[in-house]
Amino acid sequence: MRSINRFTVAGNVGNVTSFEKAVKVSIAADRIWTNEAGKKETRTDWVTVTVFDDQAAWIKDNVSKGQPVIAEGRISNSSYEKDGQTIYTTDLVATTFNAFQPANTNAKD
């Protein structure tokens, strides 16, 4: 059987870090549910998205904190050493990245 490594995340931009040919975008994806007591709860998961080449250049010029975005690509796991500890990371390496204009909170119905 052929395997598939595809992941999609939609949320709001937290931070954009630029490198020479890439950017890393942190995306906040909220999960909202009702607990057993009937109270709504929210948890924010932060997903690091890496984008390369022309899309990275476009993001540097056009994407800002708080902006709603959607990214699709593959999951990539890596690790590095810091202070004698191995740090493991999981990123989405984007093949597509789309940004949207934030909703106008002052719009009249």
C-alpha atoms as a PDB file:
ATOM      1  CA  MET A   1       0.000   0.000   0.000  1.00  0.00           C
ATOM      2  CA  ARG A   2       1.213   3.478  -0.819  1.00  0.00           C
ATOM      3  CA  SER A   3       1.562   5.865   2.126  1.00  0.00           C
ATOM      4  CA  ILE A   4       0.343   9.450   2.391  1.00  0.00           C
ATOM      5  CA  ASN A   5       1.923  12.249   4.412  1.00  0.00           C
ATOM      6  CA  ARG A   6      -0.468  15.184   4.087  1.00  0.00           C
ATOM      7  CA  PHE A   7      -1.421  17.734   6.715  1.00  0.00           C
ATOM      8  CA  THR A   8      -3.560  20.880   6.634  1.00  0.00           C
ATOM      9  CA  VAL A   9      -3.709  23.614   9.253  1.00  0.00           C
ATOM     10  CA  ALA A  10      -5.899  26.720   9.318  1.00  0.00           C
ATOM     11  CA  GLY A  11      -5.574  29.433  11.928  1.00  0.00           C
ATOM     12  CA  ASN A  12      -4.017  32.803  12.680  1.00  0.00           C
ATOM     13  CA  VAL A  13      -0.381  33.803  12.263  1.00  0.00           C
ATOM     14  CA  GLY A  14       1.559  34.209  15.475  1.00  0.00           C
ATOM     15  CA  ASN A  15       5.039  34.964  14.200  1.00  0.00           C
ATOM     16  CA  VAL A  16       6.981  34.983  10.925  1.00  0.00           C
ATOM     17  CA  THR A  17      10.725  34.251  11.078  1.00  0.00           C
ATOM     18  CA  SER A  18      12.659  34.915   7.865  1.00  0.00           C
ATOM     19  CA  PHE A  19      15.690  33.045   6.609  1.00  0.00           C
ATOM     20  CA  GLU A  20      17.583  33.407   3.319  1.00  0.00           C
ATOM     21  CA  LYS A  21      15.363  31.076   1.239  1.00  0.00           C
ATOM     22  CA  ALA A  22      12.680  30.095   3.744  1.00  0.00           C
ATOM     23  CA  VAL A  23      10.303  31.377   6.385  1.00  0.00           C
ATOM     24  CA  LYS A  24       8.919  29.709   9.480  1.00  0.00           C
ATOM     25  CA  VAL A  25       5.374  30.734  10.323  1.00  0.00           C
ATOM     26  CA  SER A  26       3.769  29.836  13.635  1.00  0.00           C
ATOM     27  CA  ILE A  27       0.036  29.261  13.241  1.00  0.00           C
ATOM     28  CA  ALA A  28      -2.414  29.212  16.154  1.00  0.00           C
ATOM     29  CA  ALA A  29      -5.189  26.661  15.654  1.00  0.00           C
ATOM     30  CA  ASP A  30      -7.901  26.787  18.312  1.00  0.00           C
ATOM     31  CA  ARG A  31      -9.873  23.771  19.505  1.00  0.00           C
ATOM     32  CA  ILE A  32     -13.177  24.574  21.179  1.00  0.00           C
ATOM     33  CA  TRP A  33     -15.316  22.036  23.025  1.00  0.00           C
ATOM     34  CA  THR A  34     -17.902  21.807  25.779  1.00  0.00           C
ATOM     35  CA  ASN A  35     -16.704  20.079  28.939  1.00  0.00           C
ATOM     36  CA  GLU A  36     -18.766  17.734  31.129  1.00  0.00           C
ATOM     37  CA  ALA A  37     -20.023  20.700  33.177  1.00  0.00           C
ATOM     38  CA  GLY A  38     -21.405  22.342  30.023  1.00  0.00           C
ATOM     39  CA  LYS A  39     -18.749  25.075  29.949  1.00  0.00           C
ATOM     40  CA  LYS A  40     -16.967  25.928  26.680  1.00  0.00           C
ATOM     41  CA  GLU A  41     -13.216  25.425  26.748  1.00  0.00           C
ATOM     42  CA  THR A  42     -10.562  26.489  24.267  1.00  0.00           C
ATOM     43  CA  ARG A  43      -7.059  25.203  23.685  1.00  0.00           C
ATOM     44  CA  THR A  44      -4.644  26.722  21.204  1.00  0.00           C
ATOM     45  CA  ASP A  45      -2.244  24.401  19.391  1.00  0.00           C
ATOM     46  CA  TRP A  46       0.756  26.078  17.767  1.00  0.00           C
ATOM     47  CA  VAL A  47       1.951  24.592  14.493  1.00  0.00           C
ATOM     48  CA  THR A  48       5.266  25.593  12.919  1.00  0.00           C
ATOM     49  CA  VAL A  49       5.054  25.800   9.133  1.00  0.00           C
ATOM     50  CA  THR A  50       8.172  26.014   6.944  1.00  0.00           C
ATOM     51  CA  VAL A  51       7.815  27.560   3.488  1.00  0.00           C
ATOM     52  CA  PHE A  52      10.551  27.785   0.837  1.00  0.00           C
ATOM     53  CA  ASP A  53      11.530  29.798  -2.238  1.00  0.00           C
ATOM     54  CA  ASP A  54       8.979  32.028  -4.037  1.00  0.00           C
ATOM     55  CA  GLN A  55       6.198  31.393  -1.537  1.00  0.00           C
ATOM     56  CA  ALA A  56       8.585  32.340   1.293  1.00  0.00           C
ATOM     57  CA  ALA A  57       9.430  35.619  -0.422  1.00  0.00           C
ATOM     58  CA  TRP A  58       5.721  36.371  -0.855  1.00  0.00           C
ATOM     59  CA  ILE A  59       5.017  35.614   2.818  1.00  0.00           C
ATOM     60  CA  LYS A  60       7.832  37.953   3.954  1.00  0.00           C
ATOM     61  CA  ASP A  61       6.120  40.830   2.129  1.00  0.00           C
ATOM     62  CA  ASN A  62       2.429  40.011   2.597  1.00  0.00           C
ATOM     63  CA  VAL A  63       1.716  38.096   5.808  1.00  0.00           C
ATOM     64  CA  SER A  64       1.518  39.583   9.293  1.00  0.00           C
ATOM     65  CA  LYS A  65       0.679  38.595  12.853  1.00  0.00           C
ATOM     66  CA  GLY A  66      -2.986  37.808  13.462  1.00  0.00           C
ATOM     67  CA  GLN A  67      -3.780  37.194   9.791  1.00  0.00           C
ATOM     68  CA  PRO A  68      -5.919  34.125   9.005  1.00  0.00           C
ATOM     69  CA  VAL A  69      -4.071  31.553   6.876  1.00  0.00           C
ATOM     70  CA  ILE A  70      -4.295  27.984   5.655  1.00  0.00           C
ATOM     71  CA  ALA A  71      -1.304  25.795   4.814  1.00  0.00           C
ATOM     72  CA  GLU A  72      -1.022  22.302   3.386  1.00  0.00           C
ATOM     73  CA  GLY A  73       2.005  20.073   3.056  1.00  0.00           C
ATOM     74  CA  ARG A  74       3.852  17.197   4.685  1.00  0.00           C
ATOM     75  CA  ILE A  75       4.913  16.523   8.263  1.00  0.00           C
ATOM     76  CA  SER A  76       8.660  16.599   8.899  1.00  0.00           C
ATOM     77  CA  ASN A  77      10.293  15.451  12.151  1.00  0.00           C
ATOM     78  CA  SER A  78      13.766  16.560  13.187  1.00  0.00           C
ATOM     79  CA  SER A  79      15.923  17.008  16.259  1.00  0.00           C
ATOM     80  CA  TYR A  80      18.797  19.122  17.520  1.00  0.00           C
ATOM     81  CA  GLU A  81      20.952  19.393  20.633  1.00  0.00           C
ATOM     82  CA  LYS A  82      20.538  22.275  23.085  1.00  0.00           C
ATOM     83  CA  ASP A  83      22.316  22.464  26.433  1.00  0.00           C
ATOM     84  CA  GLY A  84      23.044  18.730  26.304  1.00  0.00           C
ATOM     85  CA  GLN A  85      19.388  17.859  25.672  1.00  0.00           C
ATOM     86  CA  THR A  86      17.910  16.501  22.458  1.00  0.00           C
ATOM     87  CA  ILE A  87      15.020  18.681  21.282  1.00  0.00           C
ATOM     88  CA  TYR A  88      12.526  17.032  18.918  1.00  0.00           C
ATOM     89  CA  THR A  89      10.431  19.119  16.527  1.00  0.00           C
ATOM     90  CA  THR A  90       7.550  18.425  14.179  1.00  0.00           C
ATOM     91  CA  ASP A  91       6.913  20.939  11.384  1.00  0.00           C
ATOM     92  CA  LEU A  92       4.601  21.183   8.439  1.00  0.00           C
ATOM     93  CA  VAL A  93       6.638  21.740   5.249  1.00  0.00           C
ATOM     94  CA  ALA A  94       4.136  23.621   3.104  1.00  0.00           C
ATOM     95  CA  THR A  95       3.448  22.992  -0.547  1.00  0.00           C
ATOM     96  CA  THR A  96       0.584  25.507  -0.527  1.00  0.00           C
ATOM     97  CA  PHE A  97       0.070  28.546   1.701  1.00  0.00           C
ATOM     98  CA  ASN A  98      -2.826  30.981   1.440  1.00  0.00           C
ATOM     99  CA  ALA A  99      -3.436  34.126   3.471  1.00  0.00           C
ATOM    100  CA  PHE A 100      -6.768  35.882   3.894  1.00  0.00           C
ATOM    101  CA  GLN A 101      -7.700  39.382   4.924  1.00  0.00           C
ATOM    102  CA  PRO A 102      -8.738  39.588   8.580  1.00  0.00           C
ATOM    103  CA  ALA A 103     -12.465  39.993   9.109  1.00  0.00           C
ATOM    104  CA  ASN A 104     -13.486  43.604   9.623  1.00  0.00           C
ATOM    105  CA  THR A 105     -14.699  43.644  13.207  1.00  0.00           C
ATOM    106  CA  ASN A 106     -16.300  47.075  12.663  1.00  0.00           C
ATOM    107  CA  ALA A 107     -18.477  45.963   9.736  1.00  0.00           C
ATOM    108  CA  LYS A 108     -22.181  46.692   9.961  1.00  0.00           C
ATOM    109  CA  ASP A 109     -24.707  43.925   9.243  1.00  0.00           C
END
